[in-house]
């Protein structure tokens, strides 16, 4: 039998409760993780810090999500963006 390196990825096994008492199912969290790993990790990095391998030559560099700073939203700078703002960016991307 083969032992596959890298197959020990952490998967969500329980629902999580976030700010505003919003509960997200483990299924939804795992779908989000899989989507990020397929489409975003190359630029934004495994940890979301903007240090992905494809991001090294990008200008401007990919956003560091760990800082919690979002530029393209309908709220005043420094405030938490609305979910709708993030959905719009994720769905349509930035040009």
N, C-alpha and C. Protein backbone atom coordinates (compact mmCIF):
# COMPACT_ATOMS: atom_id res chain seq x y z
N UNK A 1 0.83 -1.20 0.00
CA UNK A 1 0.00 0.00 0.00
C UNK A 1 0.87 1.26 0.00
N UNK A 2 0.36 2.26 -0.66
CA UNK A 2 1.07 3.53 -0.75
C UNK A 2 0.65 4.46 0.37
N UNK A 3 1.59 5.21 0.87
CA UNK A 3 1.30 6.26 1.84
C UNK A 3 1.43 7.58 1.10
N UNK A 4 0.36 8.31 1.02
CA UNK A 4 0.37 9.56 0.27
C UNK A 4 0.70 10.73 1.18
N UNK A 5 1.75 11.43 0.84
CA UNK A 5 2.13 12.62 1.61
C UNK A 5 1.16 13.75 1.28
N UNK A 6 0.81 14.52 2.27
CA UNK A 6 -0.05 15.68 2.05
C UNK A 6 -1.54 15.36 2.11
N UNK A 7 -1.91 14.13 2.38
CA UNK A 7 -3.33 13.78 2.43
C UNK A 7 -3.91 13.95 3.81
N UNK A 8 -3.15 14.49 4.72
CA UNK A 8 -3.63 14.67 6.09
C UNK A 8 -4.22 16.06 6.27
N UNK A 9 -4.79 16.63 5.21
CA UNK A 9 -5.37 17.97 5.28
C UNK A 9 -6.49 18.00 6.32
N UNK A 10 -6.51 19.08 7.09
CA UNK A 10 -7.55 19.22 8.11
C UNK A 10 -8.87 19.57 7.44
N UNK A 11 -9.89 18.86 7.79
CA UNK A 11 -11.23 19.14 7.28
C UNK A 11 -12.13 19.48 8.47
N UNK A 12 -13.08 20.34 8.22
CA UNK A 12 -14.01 20.72 9.28
C UNK A 12 -14.93 19.55 9.58
N UNK A 13 -15.04 19.23 10.83
CA UNK A 13 -15.90 18.12 11.24
C UNK A 13 -17.12 18.61 12.01
N UNK A 14 -17.09 19.87 12.44
CA UNK A 14 -18.19 20.43 13.21
C UNK A 14 -18.61 21.78 12.63
N UNK A 15 -19.84 22.15 12.88
CA UNK A 15 -20.31 23.48 12.52
C UNK A 15 -19.55 24.51 13.35
N UNK A 16 -19.43 25.72 12.84
CA UNK A 16 -18.75 26.80 13.57
C UNK A 16 -19.71 27.98 13.71
N UNK A 17 -19.59 28.69 14.82
CA UNK A 17 -20.39 29.89 15.05
C UNK A 17 -19.46 31.09 14.96
N UNK A 18 -19.83 32.06 14.12
CA UNK A 18 -19.03 33.24 13.89
C UNK A 18 -19.71 34.48 14.47
N UNK A 19 -19.12 35.62 14.24
CA UNK A 19 -19.66 36.89 14.76
C UNK A 19 -21.11 37.03 14.36
N UNK A 20 -21.89 37.61 15.24
CA UNK A 20 -23.31 37.79 14.99
C UNK A 20 -24.10 36.51 15.16
N UNK A 21 -23.50 35.54 15.84
CA UNK A 21 -24.13 34.23 16.09
C UNK A 21 -24.49 33.50 14.80
N UNK A 22 -23.74 33.75 13.74
CA UNK A 22 -24.00 33.09 12.46
C UNK A 22 -23.34 31.71 12.48
N UNK A 23 -24.16 30.68 12.36
CA UNK A 23 -23.66 29.31 12.35
C UNK A 23 -23.48 28.85 10.91
N UNK A 24 -22.31 28.28 10.63
CA UNK A 24 -21.99 27.77 9.30
C UNK A 24 -21.73 26.28 9.44
N UNK A 25 -22.36 25.51 8.56
CA UNK A 25 -22.23 24.06 8.66
C UNK A 25 -20.83 23.60 8.24
N UNK A 26 -20.43 22.44 8.74
CA UNK A 26 -19.14 21.86 8.37
C UNK A 26 -19.10 21.62 6.87
N UNK A 27 -20.22 21.23 6.27
CA UNK A 27 -20.27 21.00 4.83
C UNK A 27 -19.95 22.28 4.06
N UNK A 28 -20.53 23.40 4.47
CA UNK A 28 -20.27 24.67 3.81
C UNK A 28 -18.83 25.11 4.02
N UNK A 29 -18.31 24.93 5.22
CA UNK A 29 -16.92 25.28 5.50
C UNK A 29 -15.96 24.46 4.63
N UNK A 30 -16.24 23.18 4.48
CA UNK A 30 -15.39 22.33 3.66
C UNK A 30 -15.48 22.71 2.18
N UNK A 31 -16.66 23.10 1.73
CA UNK A 31 -16.81 23.56 0.34
C UNK A 31 -15.99 24.85 0.13
N UNK A 32 -16.06 25.77 1.08
CA UNK A 32 -15.29 27.00 1.00
C UNK A 32 -13.80 26.73 1.00
N UNK A 33 -13.37 25.81 1.83
CA UNK A 33 -11.95 25.44 1.89
C UNK A 33 -11.49 24.84 0.57
N UNK A 34 -12.28 23.92 0.03
CA UNK A 34 -11.93 23.28 -1.24
C UNK A 34 -11.87 24.31 -2.37
N UNK A 35 -12.81 25.23 -2.39
CA UNK A 35 -12.83 26.28 -3.41
C UNK A 35 -11.61 27.17 -3.29
N UNK A 36 -11.27 27.57 -2.07
CA UNK A 36 -10.08 28.40 -1.84
C UNK A 36 -8.83 27.66 -2.31
N UNK A 37 -8.72 26.38 -1.96
CA UNK A 37 -7.53 25.61 -2.32
C UNK A 37 -7.41 25.43 -3.84
N UNK A 38 -8.52 25.43 -4.55
CA UNK A 38 -8.48 25.27 -6.00
C UNK A 38 -8.22 26.59 -6.73
N UNK A 39 -8.86 27.67 -6.28
CA UNK A 39 -8.83 28.91 -7.05
C UNK A 39 -8.00 30.05 -6.44
N UNK A 40 -7.71 30.02 -5.16
CA UNK A 40 -7.13 31.19 -4.50
C UNK A 40 -5.74 30.97 -3.93
N UNK A 41 -5.44 29.75 -3.53
CA UNK A 41 -4.21 29.46 -2.81
C UNK A 41 -2.96 29.80 -3.62
N UNK A 42 -3.04 29.71 -4.95
CA UNK A 42 -1.86 29.97 -5.76
C UNK A 42 -1.33 31.38 -5.56
N UNK A 43 -2.22 32.35 -5.40
CA UNK A 43 -1.79 33.75 -5.21
C UNK A 43 -1.79 34.16 -3.74
N UNK A 44 -2.86 33.81 -3.02
CA UNK A 44 -3.00 34.28 -1.64
C UNK A 44 -2.31 33.40 -0.62
N UNK A 45 -1.86 32.22 -1.02
CA UNK A 45 -1.11 31.35 -0.12
C UNK A 45 -1.97 30.45 0.73
N UNK A 46 -1.37 29.39 1.20
CA UNK A 46 -2.06 28.38 2.02
C UNK A 46 -2.67 28.99 3.28
N UNK A 47 -1.98 29.96 3.86
CA UNK A 47 -2.46 30.57 5.10
C UNK A 47 -3.19 31.89 4.86
N UNK A 48 -3.38 32.27 3.59
CA UNK A 48 -4.10 33.51 3.29
C UNK A 48 -3.27 34.76 3.50
N UNK A 49 -1.96 34.60 3.59
CA UNK A 49 -1.10 35.75 3.92
C UNK A 49 -0.55 36.47 2.68
N UNK A 50 -1.04 36.10 1.48
CA UNK A 50 -0.60 36.76 0.26
C UNK A 50 0.72 36.25 -0.27
N UNK A 51 1.22 35.15 0.29
CA UNK A 51 2.54 34.64 -0.09
C UNK A 51 2.46 33.37 -0.94
N UNK A 52 1.46 33.29 -1.82
CA UNK A 52 1.36 32.14 -2.70
C UNK A 52 2.43 32.18 -3.77
N UNK A 53 2.78 31.04 -4.35
CA UNK A 53 3.86 31.00 -5.33
C UNK A 53 3.59 31.84 -6.58
N UNK A 54 2.35 31.95 -7.02
CA UNK A 54 2.04 32.74 -8.22
C UNK A 54 2.00 34.23 -7.91
N UNK A 55 1.90 34.59 -6.66
CA UNK A 55 1.79 35.99 -6.29
C UNK A 55 3.10 36.74 -6.24
N UNK A 56 4.21 36.03 -6.33
CA UNK A 56 5.52 36.66 -6.19
C UNK A 56 5.79 37.71 -7.26
N UNK A 57 5.27 37.54 -8.46
CA UNK A 57 5.54 38.50 -9.52
C UNK A 57 4.40 39.45 -9.79
N UNK A 58 3.40 39.47 -8.92
CA UNK A 58 2.22 40.29 -9.16
C UNK A 58 2.38 41.69 -8.57
N UNK A 59 1.89 42.68 -9.33
CA UNK A 59 1.84 44.05 -8.82
C UNK A 59 0.47 44.62 -9.13
N UNK A 60 -0.28 45.01 -8.14
CA UNK A 60 0.04 44.92 -6.72
C UNK A 60 0.02 43.47 -6.25
N UNK A 61 0.69 43.20 -5.14
CA UNK A 61 0.73 41.83 -4.64
C UNK A 61 -0.64 41.38 -4.14
N UNK A 62 -0.87 40.08 -4.06
CA UNK A 62 -2.14 39.57 -3.55
C UNK A 62 -2.38 40.06 -2.12
N UNK A 63 -3.62 40.29 -1.79
CA UNK A 63 -4.00 40.77 -0.47
C UNK A 63 -3.67 39.74 0.60
N UNK A 64 -3.22 40.22 1.75
CA UNK A 64 -2.96 39.40 2.93
C UNK A 64 -4.25 39.36 3.74
N UNK A 65 -4.99 38.26 3.64
CA UNK A 65 -6.28 38.15 4.33
C UNK A 65 -6.13 38.10 5.85
N UNK A 66 -4.96 37.73 6.34
CA UNK A 66 -4.79 37.61 7.79
C UNK A 66 -4.85 38.96 8.50
N UNK A 67 -4.67 40.04 7.76
CA UNK A 67 -4.74 41.38 8.36
C UNK A 67 -6.17 41.87 8.54
N UNK A 68 -7.12 41.24 7.83
CA UNK A 68 -8.52 41.64 7.95
C UNK A 68 -8.82 42.99 7.33
N UNK A 69 -8.00 43.42 6.37
CA UNK A 69 -8.21 44.71 5.71
C UNK A 69 -8.78 44.44 4.32
N UNK A 70 -9.92 45.05 4.04
CA UNK A 70 -10.58 44.86 2.75
C UNK A 70 -10.71 46.21 2.07
N UNK A 71 -10.25 46.29 0.84
CA UNK A 71 -10.21 47.56 0.13
C UNK A 71 -11.49 47.83 -0.66
N UNK A 72 -12.05 46.83 -1.28
CA UNK A 72 -13.15 47.01 -2.21
C UNK A 72 -14.48 46.65 -1.57
N UNK A 73 -15.00 47.54 -0.74
CA UNK A 73 -16.29 47.32 -0.09
C UNK A 73 -17.05 48.63 -0.05
N UNK A 74 -18.30 48.54 0.37
CA UNK A 74 -19.15 49.73 0.46
C UNK A 74 -19.19 50.32 1.86
N UNK A 75 -18.19 50.03 2.69
CA UNK A 75 -18.14 50.57 4.04
C UNK A 75 -16.93 51.49 4.18
N UNK A 76 -16.95 52.29 5.20
CA UNK A 76 -15.84 53.21 5.47
C UNK A 76 -14.60 52.41 5.84
N UNK A 77 -13.43 52.89 5.44
CA UNK A 77 -12.18 52.22 5.73
C UNK A 77 -12.05 51.92 7.22
N UNK A 78 -11.67 50.70 7.54
CA UNK A 78 -11.49 50.29 8.92
C UNK A 78 -12.69 49.54 9.48
N UNK A 79 -13.84 49.63 8.79
CA UNK A 79 -15.03 48.90 9.25
C UNK A 79 -15.07 47.53 8.59
N UNK A 80 -15.78 46.61 9.22
CA UNK A 80 -15.91 45.26 8.69
C UNK A 80 -16.83 45.30 7.48
N UNK A 81 -16.42 44.67 6.36
CA UNK A 81 -17.28 44.68 5.16
C UNK A 81 -18.51 43.82 5.37
N UNK A 82 -19.54 44.11 4.59
CA UNK A 82 -20.75 43.30 4.61
C UNK A 82 -20.50 42.01 3.83
N UNK A 83 -21.24 40.98 4.18
CA UNK A 83 -21.10 39.71 3.47
C UNK A 83 -21.32 39.89 1.97
N UNK A 84 -22.30 40.76 1.61
CA UNK A 84 -22.61 40.97 0.21
C UNK A 84 -21.41 41.53 -0.56
N UNK A 85 -20.62 42.39 0.08
CA UNK A 85 -19.42 42.94 -0.55
C UNK A 85 -18.44 41.81 -0.88
N UNK A 86 -18.25 40.93 0.07
CA UNK A 86 -17.30 39.83 -0.13
C UNK A 86 -17.80 38.85 -1.18
N UNK A 87 -19.11 38.56 -1.17
CA UNK A 87 -19.68 37.66 -2.18
C UNK A 87 -19.45 38.23 -3.58
N UNK A 88 -19.66 39.54 -3.72
CA UNK A 88 -19.49 40.19 -5.03
C UNK A 88 -18.04 40.08 -5.51
N UNK A 89 -17.09 40.29 -4.62
CA UNK A 89 -15.68 40.19 -5.00
C UNK A 89 -15.30 38.75 -5.35
N UNK A 90 -15.75 37.81 -4.53
CA UNK A 90 -15.41 36.41 -4.77
C UNK A 90 -16.03 35.92 -6.08
N UNK A 91 -17.29 36.28 -6.32
CA UNK A 91 -17.99 35.83 -7.52
C UNK A 91 -17.45 36.48 -8.78
N UNK A 92 -17.22 37.80 -8.73
CA UNK A 92 -16.83 38.52 -9.93
C UNK A 92 -15.35 38.81 -10.04
N UNK A 93 -14.62 38.65 -8.96
CA UNK A 93 -13.20 38.96 -8.97
C UNK A 93 -12.94 40.44 -9.05
N UNK A 94 -11.69 40.80 -9.21
CA UNK A 94 -11.28 42.21 -9.35
C UNK A 94 -10.62 42.35 -10.72
N UNK A 95 -10.80 43.48 -11.30
CA UNK A 95 -10.23 43.72 -12.63
C UNK A 95 -9.04 44.65 -12.54
